Amino acid sequence: WTGARQDMPAVYSAFDLAASTSYGEGFPNVIAEAMACG
């Protein structure tokens, strides 16, 4: 559990995969940000 982070490009880059399990969204930025980081 990391809490809030200021270095999100590095955090996304540290992942191997990203997940979003929401049951309500409009445009989830976190998905697009993770994809922008490959």
PDB file of all heavy atoms in Angstrom:
ATOM      1  N   TRP A   1       0.878  -1.166   0.000  1.00  0.00           N
ATOM      2  CA  TRP A   1       0.000   0.000   0.000  1.00  0.00           C
ATOM      3  C   TRP A   1       0.920   1.222   0.000  1.00  0.00           C
ATOM      4  O   TRP A   1       1.589   1.511   0.983  1.00  0.00           O
ATOM      5  CB  TRP A   1      -0.892   0.006   1.231  1.00  0.00           C
ATOM      6  CG  TRP A   1      -1.820  -1.171   1.325  1.00  0.00           C
ATOM      7  CD1 TRP A   1      -1.570  -2.355   1.935  1.00  0.00           C
ATOM      8  CD2 TRP A   1      -3.143  -1.264   0.791  1.00  0.00           C
ATOM      9  NE1 TRP A   1      -2.650  -3.202   1.822  1.00  0.00           N
ATOM     10  CE2 TRP A   1      -3.631  -2.557   1.117  1.00  0.00           C
ATOM     11  CE3 TRP A   1      -3.967  -0.399   0.071  1.00  0.00           C
ATOM     12  CZ2 TRP A   1      -4.910  -2.985   0.745  1.00  0.00           C
ATOM     13  CZ3 TRP A   1      -5.225  -0.831  -0.302  1.00  0.00           C
ATOM     14  CH2 TRP A   1      -5.686  -2.099   0.031  1.00  0.00           C
ATOM     15  N   THR A   2       0.966   1.946  -1.092  1.00  0.00           N
ATOM     16  CA  THR A   2       1.984   2.989  -1.238  1.00  0.00           C
ATOM     17  C   THR A   2       1.513   4.371  -0.797  1.00  0.00           C
ATOM     18  O   THR A   2       2.336   5.265  -0.605  1.00  0.00           O
ATOM     19  CB  THR A   2       2.438   3.101  -2.697  1.00  0.00           C
ATOM     20  OG1 THR A   2       1.430   3.753  -3.468  1.00  0.00           O
ATOM     21  CG2 THR A   2       2.734   1.717  -3.270  1.00  0.00           C
ATOM     22  N   GLY A   3       0.199   4.563  -0.643  1.00  0.00           N
ATOM     23  CA  GLY A   3      -0.313   5.905  -0.457  1.00  0.00           C
ATOM     24  C   GLY A   3      -0.179   6.698  -1.745  1.00  0.00           C
ATOM     25  O   GLY A   3       0.092   6.146  -2.812  1.00  0.00           O
ATOM     26  N   ALA A   4      -0.375   8.005  -1.653  1.00  0.00           N
ATOM     27  CA  ALA A   4      -0.243   8.864  -2.841  1.00  0.00           C
ATOM     28  C   ALA A   4       1.224   9.010  -3.211  1.00  0.00           C
ATOM     29  O   ALA A   4       2.100   9.024  -2.341  1.00  0.00           O
ATOM     30  CB  ALA A   4      -0.856  10.226  -2.565  1.00  0.00           C
ATOM     31  N   ARG A   5       1.499   9.112  -4.494  1.00  0.00           N
ATOM     32  CA  ARG A   5       2.862   9.266  -4.994  1.00  0.00           C
ATOM     33  C   ARG A   5       2.937  10.476  -5.929  1.00  0.00           C
ATOM     34  O   ARG A   5       2.004  10.764  -6.673  1.00  0.00           O
ATOM     35  CB  ARG A   5       3.288   8.020  -5.771  1.00  0.00           C
ATOM     36  CG  ARG A   5       3.291   6.733  -4.982  1.00  0.00           C
ATOM     37  CD  ARG A   5       4.506   6.568  -4.119  1.00  0.00           C
ATOM     38  NE  ARG A   5       5.757   6.585  -4.879  1.00  0.00           N
ATOM     39  CZ  ARG A   5       6.866   5.989  -4.459  1.00  0.00           C
ATOM     40  NH1 ARG A   5       6.884   5.332  -3.293  1.00  0.00           N
ATOM     41  NH2 ARG A   5       7.969   6.057  -5.176  1.00  0.00           N
ATOM     42  N   GLN A   6       4.070  11.144  -5.896  1.00  0.00           N
ATOM     43  CA  GLN A   6       4.302  12.273  -6.795  1.00  0.00           C
ATOM     44  C   GLN A   6       5.001  11.843  -8.080  1.00  0.00           C
ATOM     45  O   GLN A   6       4.961  12.560  -9.076  1.00  0.00           O
ATOM     46  CB  GLN A   6       5.169  13.328  -6.086  1.00  0.00           C
ATOM     47  CG  GLN A   6       4.539  13.913  -4.844  1.00  0.00           C
ATOM     48  CD  GLN A   6       3.286  14.712  -5.141  1.00  0.00           C
ATOM     49  OE1 GLN A   6       3.191  15.363  -6.178  1.00  0.00           O
ATOM     50  NE2 GLN A   6       2.320  14.679  -4.243  1.00  0.00           N
ATOM     51  N   ASP A   7       5.644  10.672  -8.074  1.00  0.00           N
ATOM     52  CA  ASP A   7       6.464  10.212  -9.201  1.00  0.00           C
ATOM     53  C   ASP A   7       5.726   9.169 -10.031  1.00  0.00           C
ATOM     54  O   ASP A   7       6.230   8.067 -10.266  1.00  0.00           O
ATOM     55  CB  ASP A   7       7.789   9.651  -8.694  1.00  0.00           C
ATOM     56  CG  ASP A   7       7.608   8.548  -7.646  1.00  0.00           C
ATOM     57  OD1 ASP A   7       6.496   8.426  -7.082  1.00  0.00           O
ATOM     58  OD2 ASP A   7       8.575   7.806  -7.401  1.00  0.00           O
ATOM     59  N   MET A   8       4.544   9.510 -10.513  1.00  0.00           N
ATOM     60  CA  MET A   8       3.705   8.504 -11.142  1.00  0.00           C
ATOM     61  C   MET A   8       4.288   7.891 -12.423  1.00  0.00           C
ATOM     62  O   MET A   8       4.105   6.695 -12.649  1.00  0.00           O
ATOM     63  CB  MET A   8       2.318   9.073 -11.412  1.00  0.00           C
ATOM     64  CG  MET A   8       1.469   9.245 -10.151  1.00  0.00           C
ATOM     65  SD  MET A   8       1.382   7.747  -9.131  1.00  0.00           S
ATOM     66  CE  MET A   8       0.679   6.580 -10.284  1.00  0.00           C
ATOM     67  N   PRO A   9       4.992   8.615 -13.278  1.00  0.00           N
ATOM     68  CA  PRO A   9       5.595   7.917 -14.427  1.00  0.00           C
ATOM     69  C   PRO A   9       6.531   6.795 -13.998  1.00  0.00           C
ATOM     70  O   PRO A   9       6.535   5.720 -14.609  1.00  0.00           O
ATOM     71  CB  PRO A   9       6.338   9.044 -15.156  1.00  0.00           C
ATOM     72  CG  PRO A   9       5.565  10.273 -14.811  1.00  0.00           C
ATOM     73  CD  PRO A   9       5.148  10.082 -13.381  1.00  0.00           C
ATOM     74  N   ALA A  10       7.305   7.022 -12.943  1.00  0.00           N
ATOM     75  CA  ALA A  10       8.195   5.975 -12.434  1.00  0.00           C
ATOM     76  C   ALA A  10       7.392   4.830 -11.833  1.00  0.00           C
ATOM     77  O   ALA A  10       7.757   3.653 -11.985  1.00  0.00           O
ATOM     78  CB  ALA A  10       9.147   6.556 -11.390  1.00  0.00           C
ATOM     79  N   VAL A  11       6.294   5.152 -11.166  1.00  0.00           N
ATOM     80  CA  VAL A  11       5.449   4.117 -10.557  1.00  0.00           C
ATOM     81  C   VAL A  11       4.827   3.244 -11.642  1.00  0.00           C
ATOM     82  O   VAL A  11       4.866   2.006 -11.563  1.00  0.00           O
ATOM     83  CB  VAL A  11       4.368   4.758  -9.671  1.00  0.00           C
ATOM     84  CG1 VAL A  11       3.305   3.733  -9.273  1.00  0.00           C
ATOM     85  CG2 VAL A  11       4.998   5.375  -8.427  1.00  0.00           C
ATOM     86  N   TYR A  12       4.239   3.865 -12.662  1.00  0.00           N
ATOM     87  CA  TYR A  12       3.677   3.063 -13.757  1.00  0.00           C
ATOM     88  C   TYR A  12       4.751   2.212 -14.418  1.00  0.00           C
ATOM     89  O   TYR A  12       4.513   1.051 -14.780  1.00  0.00           O
ATOM     90  CB  TYR A  12       3.047   3.980 -14.817  1.00  0.00           C
ATOM     91  CG  TYR A  12       1.751   4.639 -14.413  1.00  0.00           C
ATOM     92  CD1 TYR A  12       1.625   6.024 -14.414  1.00  0.00           C
ATOM     93  CD2 TYR A  12       0.639   3.881 -14.058  1.00  0.00           C
ATOM     94  CE1 TYR A  12       0.430   6.645 -14.065  1.00  0.00           C
ATOM     95  CE2 TYR A  12      -0.563   4.493 -13.702  1.00  0.00           C
ATOM     96  CZ  TYR A  12      -0.661   5.872 -13.710  1.00  0.00           C
ATOM     97  OH  TYR A  12      -1.839   6.482 -13.359  1.00  0.00           O
ATOM     98  N   SER A  13       5.939   2.779 -14.590  1.00  0.00           N
ATOM     99  CA  SER A  13       7.031   2.040 -15.226  1.00  0.00           C
ATOM    100  C   SER A  13       7.456   0.852 -14.382  1.00  0.00           C
ATOM    101  O   SER A  13       7.941  -0.162 -14.919  1.00  0.00           O
ATOM    102  CB  SER A  13       8.223   2.976 -15.465  1.00  0.00           C
ATOM    103  OG  SER A  13       7.888   4.036 -16.337  1.00  0.00           O
ATOM    104  N   ALA A  14       7.300   0.950 -13.064  1.00  0.00           N
ATOM    105  CA  ALA A  14       7.673  -0.155 -12.177  1.00  0.00           C
ATOM    106  C   ALA A  14       6.725  -1.342 -12.305  1.00  0.00           C
ATOM    107  O   ALA A  14       7.102  -2.482 -12.013  1.00  0.00           O
ATOM    108  CB  ALA A  14       7.710   0.331 -10.725  1.00  0.00           C
ATOM    109  N   PHE A  15       5.492  -1.075 -12.732  1.00  0.00           N
ATOM    110  CA  PHE A  15       4.530  -2.169 -12.920  1.00  0.00           C
ATOM    111  C   PHE A  15       4.932  -3.019 -14.127  1.00  0.00           C
ATOM    112  O   PHE A  15       5.550  -2.538 -15.075  1.00  0.00           O
ATOM    113  CB  PHE A  15       3.123  -1.628 -13.194  1.00  0.00           C
ATOM    114  CG  PHE A  15       2.519  -0.792 -12.104  1.00  0.00           C
ATOM    115  CD1 PHE A  15       1.461   0.069 -12.390  1.00  0.00           C
ATOM    116  CD2 PHE A  15       2.983  -0.850 -10.802  1.00  0.00           C
ATOM    117  CE1 PHE A  15       0.880   0.850 -11.407  1.00  0.00           C
ATOM    118  CE2 PHE A  15       2.407  -0.075  -9.800  1.00  0.00           C
ATOM    119  CZ  PHE A  15       1.353   0.775 -10.111  1.00  0.00           C
ATOM    120  N   ASP A  16       4.517  -4.264 -14.098  1.00  0.00           N
ATOM    121  CA  ASP A  16       4.563  -5.104 -15.293  1.00  0.00           C
ATOM    122  C   ASP A  16       3.212  -5.092 -16.005  1.00  0.00           C
ATOM    123  O   ASP A  16       3.150  -5.140 -17.228  1.00  0.00           O
ATOM    124  CB  ASP A  16       4.956  -6.533 -14.920  1.00  0.00           C
ATOM    125  CG  ASP A  16       6.374  -6.594 -14.372  1.00  0.00           C
ATOM    126  OD1 ASP A  16       7.297  -6.159 -15.087  1.00  0.00           O
ATOM    127  OD2 ASP A  16       6.563  -7.036 -13.227  1.00  0.00           O
ATOM    128  N   LEU A  17       2.141  -5.026 -15.221  1.00  0.00           N
ATOM    129  CA  LEU A  17       0.784  -4.899 -15.741  1.00  0.00           C
ATOM    130  C   LEU A  17       0.026  -3.933 -14.843  1.00  0.00           C
ATOM    131  O   LEU A  17       0.352  -3.785 -13.653  1.00  0.00           O
ATOM    132  CB  LEU A  17       0.063  -6.250 -15.755  1.00  0.00           C
ATOM    133  CG  LEU A  17       0.656  -7.369 -16.619  1.00  0.00           C
ATOM    134  CD1 LEU A  17      -0.051  -8.684 -16.319  1.00  0.00           C
ATOM    135  CD2 LEU A  17       0.551  -7.030 -18.098  1.00  0.00           C
ATOM    136  N   ALA A  18      -0.987  -3.285 -15.396  1.00  0.00           N
ATOM    137  CA  ALA A  18      -1.845  -2.411 -14.599  1.00  0.00           C
ATOM    138  C   ALA A  18      -3.270  -2.939 -14.653  1.00  0.00           C
ATOM    139  O   ALA A  18      -3.681  -3.570 -15.627  1.00  0.00           O
ATOM    140  CB  ALA A  18      -1.793  -0.981 -15.120  1.00  0.00           C
ATOM    141  N   ALA A  19      -4.021  -2.669 -13.587  1.00  0.00           N
ATOM    142  CA  ALA A  19      -5.403  -3.132 -13.507  1.00  0.00           C
ATOM    143  C   ALA A  19      -6.308  -2.000 -13.044  1.00  0.00           C
ATOM    144  O   ALA A  19      -5.900  -1.125 -12.281  1.00  0.00           O
ATOM    145  CB  ALA A  19      -5.524  -4.313 -12.549  1.00  0.00           C
ATOM    146  N   SER A  20      -7.539  -2.035 -13.541  1.00  0.00           N
ATOM    147  CA  SER A  20      -8.593  -1.144 -13.053  1.00  0.00           C
ATOM    148  C   SER A  20      -9.832  -1.998 -12.834  1.00  0.00           C
ATOM    149  O   SER A  20     -10.348  -2.596 -13.781  1.00  0.00           O
ATOM    150  CB  SER A  20      -8.888  -0.040 -14.067  1.00  0.00           C
ATOM    151  OG  SER A  20     -10.023   0.725 -13.668  1.00  0.00           O
ATOM    152  N   THR A  21     -10.301  -2.063 -11.582  1.00  0.00           N
ATOM    153  CA  THR A  21     -11.436  -2.926 -11.248  1.00  0.00           C
ATOM    154  C   THR A  21     -12.675  -2.131 -10.860  1.00  0.00           C
ATOM    155  O   THR A  21     -13.583  -2.657 -10.224  1.00  0.00           O
ATOM    156  CB  THR A  21     -11.049  -3.874 -10.102  1.00  0.00           C
ATOM    157  OG1 THR A  21     -10.542  -3.102  -8.993  1.00  0.00           O
ATOM    158  CG2 THR A  21      -9.989  -4.871 -10.539  1.00  0.00           C
ATOM    159  N   SER A  22     -12.742  -0.875 -11.250  1.00  0.00           N
ATOM    160  CA  SER A  22     -13.867  -0.016 -10.886  1.00  0.00           C
ATOM    161  C   SER A  22     -15.180  -0.563 -11.423  1.00  0.00           C
ATOM    162  O   SER A  22     -15.217  -1.241 -12.440  1.00  0.00           O
ATOM    163  CB  SER A  22     -13.657   1.388 -11.455  1.00  0.00           C
ATOM    164  OG  SER A  22     -12.520   2.000 -10.908  1.00  0.00           O
ATOM    165  N   TYR A  23     -16.269  -0.208 -10.728  1.00  0.00           N
ATOM    166  CA  TYR A  23     -17.588  -0.525 -11.263  1.00  0.00           C
ATOM    167  C   TYR A  23     -18.312   0.730 -11.749  1.00  0.00           C
ATOM    168  O   TYR A  23     -19.452   0.664 -12.196  1.00  0.00           O
ATOM    169  CB  TYR A  23     -18.448  -1.283 -10.255  1.00  0.00           C
ATOM    170  CG  TYR A  23     -18.686  -0.591  -8.930  1.00  0.00           C
ATOM    171  CD1 TYR A  23     -19.561   0.476  -8.810  1.00  0.00           C
ATOM    172  CD2 TYR A  23     -18.048  -1.042  -7.780  1.00  0.00           C
ATOM    173  CE1 TYR A  23     -19.783   1.097  -7.598  1.00  0.00           C
ATOM    174  CE2 TYR A  23     -18.276  -0.433  -6.551  1.00  0.00           C
ATOM    175  CZ  TYR A  23     -19.142   0.625  -6.471  1.00  0.00           C
ATOM    176  OH  TYR A  23     -19.365   1.239  -5.253  1.00  0.00           O
ATOM    177  N   GLY A  24     -17.655   1.863 -11.680  1.00  0.00           N
ATOM    178  CA  GLY A  24     -18.212   3.104 -12.204  1.00  0.00           C
ATOM    179  C   GLY A  24     -17.088   4.024 -12.637  1.00  0.00           C
ATOM    180  O   GLY A  24     -16.218   4.359 -11.843  1.00  0.00           O
ATOM    181  N   GLU A  25     -17.074   4.405 -13.900  1.00  0.00           N
ATOM    182  CA  GLU A  25     -16.047   5.300 -14.435  1.00  0.00           C
ATOM    183  C   GLU A  25     -16.637   6.127 -15.565  1.00  0.00           C
ATOM    184  O   GLU A  25     -17.655   5.757 -16.154  1.00  0.00           O
ATOM    185  CB  GLU A  25     -14.853   4.509 -14.982  1.00  0.00           C
ATOM    186  CG  GLU A  25     -13.964   3.851 -13.948  1.00  0.00           C
ATOM    187  CD  GLU A  25     -13.061   4.826 -13.216  1.00  0.00           C
ATOM    188  OE1 GLU A  25     -13.100   6.041 -13.532  1.00  0.00           O
ATOM    189  OE2 GLU A  25     -12.335   4.383 -12.307  1.00  0.00           O
ATOM    190  N   GLY A  26     -15.993   7.228 -15.871  1.00  0.00           N
ATOM    191  CA  GLY A  26     -16.238   7.947 -17.101  1.00  0.00           C
ATOM    192  C   GLY A  26     -15.053   7.687 -18.009  1.00  0.00           C
ATOM    193  O   GLY A  26     -15.030   6.737 -18.779  1.00  0.00           O
ATOM    194  N   PHE A  27     -14.038   8.525 -17.876  1.00  0.00           N
ATOM    195  CA  PHE A  27     -12.764   8.333 -18.570  1.00  0.00           C
ATOM    196  C   PHE A  27     -11.703   8.149 -17.492  1.00  0.00           C
ATOM    197  O   PHE A  27     -11.275   9.113 -16.868  1.00  0.00           O
ATOM    198  CB  PHE A  27     -12.440   9.544 -19.436  1.00  0.00           C
ATOM    199  CG  PHE A  27     -11.194   9.393 -20.277  1.00  0.00           C
ATOM    200  CD1 PHE A  27     -11.299   9.253 -21.643  1.00  0.00           C
ATOM    201  CD2 PHE A  27      -9.930   9.411 -19.705  1.00  0.00           C
ATOM    202  CE1 PHE A  27     -10.156   9.127 -22.427  1.00  0.00           C
ATOM    203  CE2 PHE A  27      -8.791   9.280 -20.470  1.00  0.00           C
ATOM    204  CZ  PHE A  27      -8.896   9.134 -21.835  1.00  0.00           C
ATOM    205  N   PRO A  28     -11.264   6.913 -17.232  1.00  0.00           N
ATOM    206  CA  PRO A  28     -10.267   6.693 -16.175  1.00  0.00           C
ATOM    207  C   PRO A  28      -8.863   7.092 -16.623  1.00  0.00           C
ATOM    208  O   PRO A  28      -8.224   6.414 -17.436  1.00  0.00           O
ATOM    209  CB  PRO A  28     -10.363   5.190 -15.914  1.00  0.00           C
ATOM    210  CG  PRO A  28     -10.918   4.612 -17.167  1.00  0.00           C
ATOM    211  CD  PRO A  28     -11.779   5.663 -17.796  1.00  0.00           C
ATOM    212  N   ASN A  29      -8.380   8.207 -16.104  1.00  0.00           N
ATOM    213  CA  ASN A  29      -7.054   8.695 -16.468  1.00  0.00           C
ATOM    214  C   ASN A  29      -5.965   7.665 -16.216  1.00  0.00           C
ATOM    215  O   ASN A  29      -4.991   7.577 -16.974  1.00  0.00           O
ATOM    216  CB  ASN A  29      -6.718   9.957 -15.669  1.00  0.00           C
ATOM    217  CG  ASN A  29      -7.432  11.181 -16.167  1.00  0.00           C
ATOM    218  OD1 ASN A  29      -7.939  11.213 -17.278  1.00  0.00           O
ATOM    219  ND2 ASN A  29      -7.499  12.196 -15.339  1.00  0.00           N
ATOM    220  N   VAL A  30      -6.107   6.916 -15.125  1.00  0.00           N
ATOM    221  CA  VAL A  30      -5.013   6.021 -14.733  1.00  0.00           C
ATOM    222  C   VAL A  30      -4.736   4.972 -15.803  1.00  0.00           C
ATOM    223  O   VAL A  30      -3.588   4.537 -15.972  1.00  0.00           O
ATOM    224  CB  VAL A  30      -5.296   5.357 -13.363  1.00  0.00           C
ATOM    225  CG1 VAL A  30      -5.345   6.414 -12.272  1.00  0.00           C
ATOM    226  CG2 VAL A  30      -6.579   4.535 -13.387  1.00  0.00           C
ATOM    227  N   ILE A  31      -5.761   4.542 -16.511  1.00  0.00           N
ATOM    228  CA  ILE A  31      -5.558   3.568 -17.586  1.00  0.00           C
ATOM    229  C   ILE A  31      -4.730   4.205 -18.705  1.00  0.00           C
ATOM    230  O   ILE A  31      -3.742   3.641 -19.182  1.00  0.00           O
ATOM    231  CB  ILE A  31      -6.902   3.064 -18.129  1.00  0.00           C
ATOM    232  CG1 ILE A  31      -7.646   2.268 -17.065  1.00  0.00           C
ATOM    233  CG2 ILE A  31      -6.690   2.207 -19.379  1.00  0.00           C
ATOM    234  CD1 ILE A  31      -9.053   1.891 -17.471  1.00  0.00           C
ATOM    235  N   ALA A  32      -5.141   5.391 -19.131  1.00  0.00           N
ATOM    236  CA  ALA A  32      -4.430   6.057 -20.217  1.00  0.00           C
ATOM    237  C   ALA A  32      -3.014   6.429 -19.810  1.00  0.00           C
ATOM    238  O   ALA A  32      -2.083   6.341 -20.628  1.00  0.00           O
ATOM    239  CB  ALA A  32      -5.207   7.301 -20.655  1.00  0.00           C
ATOM    240  N   GLU A  33      -2.816   6.854 -18.563  1.00  0.00           N
ATOM    241  CA  GLU A  33      -1.470   7.190 -18.097  1.00  0.00           C
ATOM    242  C   GLU A  33      -0.569   5.960 -18.089  1.00  0.00           C
ATOM    243  O   GLU A  33       0.595   6.026 -18.504  1.00  0.00           O
ATOM    244  CB  GLU A  33      -1.544   7.805 -16.702  1.00  0.00           C
ATOM    245  CG  GLU A  33      -2.146   9.201 -16.681  1.00  0.00           C
ATOM    246  CD  GLU A  33      -2.431   9.708 -15.282  1.00  0.00           C
ATOM    247  OE1 GLU A  33      -2.234   8.951 -14.305  1.00  0.00           O
ATOM    248  OE2 GLU A  33      -2.853  10.866 -15.156  1.00  0.00           O
ATOM    249  N   ALA A  34      -1.103   4.841 -17.605  1.00  0.00           N
ATOM    250  CA  ALA A  34      -0.319   3.602 -17.590  1.00  0.00           C
ATOM    251  C   ALA A  34       0.049   3.187 -19.009  1.00  0.00           C
ATOM    252  O   ALA A  34       1.192   2.772 -19.275  1.00  0.00           O
ATOM    253  CB  ALA A  34      -1.099   2.495 -16.890  1.00  0.00           C
ATOM    254  N   MET A  35      -0.892   3.293 -19.933  1.00  0.00           N
ATOM    255  CA  MET A  35      -0.618   2.931 -21.323  1.00  0.00           C
ATOM    256  C   MET A  35       0.422   3.864 -21.937  1.00  0.00           C
ATOM    257  O   MET A  35       1.270   3.434 -22.726  1.00  0.00           O
ATOM    258  CB  MET A  35      -1.910   2.943 -22.127  1.00  0.00           C
ATOM    259  CG  MET A  35      -2.872   1.831 -21.760  1.00  0.00           C
ATOM    260  SD  MET A  35      -4.470   1.968 -22.617  1.00  0.00           S
ATOM    261  CE  MET A  35      -3.975   1.763 -24.336  1.00  0.00           C
ATOM    262  N   ALA A  36       0.355   5.155 -21.596  1.00  0.00           N
ATOM    263  CA  ALA A  36       1.360   6.092 -22.099  1.00  0.00           C
ATOM    264  C   ALA A  36       2.759   5.715 -21.635  1.00  0.00           C
ATOM    265  O   ALA A  36       3.746   6.028 -22.307  1.00  0.00           O
ATOM    266  CB  ALA A  36       1.016   7.511 -21.651  1.00  0.00           C
ATOM    267  N   CYS A  37       2.828   5.038 -20.490  1.00  0.00           N
ATOM    268  CA  CYS A  37       4.106   4.538 -19.972  1.00  0.00           C
ATOM    269  C   CYS A  37       4.412   3.125 -20.481  1.00  0.00           C
ATOM    270  O   CYS A  37       5.331   2.463 -19.979  1.00  0.00           O
ATOM    271  CB  CYS A  37       4.103   4.552 -18.446  1.00  0.00           C
ATOM    272  SG  CYS A  37       4.022   6.214 -17.735  1.00  0.00           S
ATOM    273  N   GLY A  38       3.633   2.665 -21.452  1.00  0.00           N
ATOM    274  CA  GLY A  38       3.902   1.384 -22.077  1.00  0.00           C
ATOM    275  C   GLY A  38       3.380   0.180 -21.332  1.00  0.00           C
ATOM    276  O   GLY A  38       3.814  -0.950 -21.588  1.00  0.00           O
TER     277      GLY A  38
END
